[in-house]
Amino acid sequence: MKELVGSCSVCGKDLFCLDGFFNGVHNEKNETICFKCIEEQEESAE
């Protein structure tokens, strides 16, 4: 089952819930972010 949840607030990529698992991150600012963008943010913070 694939259900559209929203889009990445950084790059705009569509984010889905796949068989009950969200393929992104929901942060404390109530934003949804894809895994690629969250990894880039973590790398730039180091």
Protein backbone atom coordinates (compact mmCIF):
# COMPACT_ATOMS: atom_id res chain seq x y z
CA MET A 1 0.00 0.00 0.00
CA LYS A 2 1.36 3.42 -0.98
CA GLU A 3 -0.21 6.60 0.33
CA LEU A 4 0.92 10.18 -0.36
CA VAL A 5 1.60 11.95 2.93
CA GLY A 6 2.97 15.27 1.71
CA SER A 7 6.10 16.76 0.21
CA CYS A 8 9.59 17.52 1.47
CA SER A 9 9.69 21.06 2.83
CA VAL A 10 13.28 21.42 1.52
CA CYS A 11 13.29 19.98 -2.03
CA GLY A 12 9.58 19.42 -2.72
CA LYS A 13 9.85 15.65 -3.38
CA ASP A 14 6.62 13.70 -2.75
CA LEU A 15 6.76 11.67 0.48
CA PHE A 16 4.78 8.47 0.91
CA CYS A 17 3.73 6.04 3.58
CA LEU A 18 4.70 2.60 2.25
CA ASP A 19 2.96 -0.34 3.97
CA GLY A 20 2.75 1.65 7.21
CA PHE A 21 6.31 3.07 7.13
CA PHE A 22 6.85 6.78 6.42
CA ASN A 23 9.75 7.35 3.99
CA GLY A 24 10.86 10.64 5.52
CA VAL A 25 11.35 12.52 8.77
CA HIS A 26 8.90 14.65 10.73
CA ASN A 27 10.85 17.25 12.73
CA GLU A 28 10.09 19.40 15.77
CA LYS A 29 9.06 22.32 13.52
CA ASN A 30 6.18 20.17 12.16
CA GLU A 31 7.91 19.83 8.77
CA THR A 32 8.26 16.70 6.66
CA ILE A 33 11.70 16.17 5.11
CA CYS A 34 13.00 13.39 2.83
CA PHE A 35 15.88 11.21 3.98
CA LYS A 36 18.31 12.75 1.45
CA CYS A 37 17.70 16.31 2.65
CA ILE A 38 17.89 15.38 6.35
CA GLU A 39 21.24 13.63 5.74
CA GLU A 40 22.57 16.72 3.94
CA GLN A 41 21.44 18.94 6.83
CA GLU A 42 23.16 16.67 9.36
CA GLU A 43 26.40 16.62 7.33
CA SER A 44 26.46 20.41 7.04
CA ALA A 45 25.87 20.78 10.80
CA GLU A 46 29.05 18.83 11.62
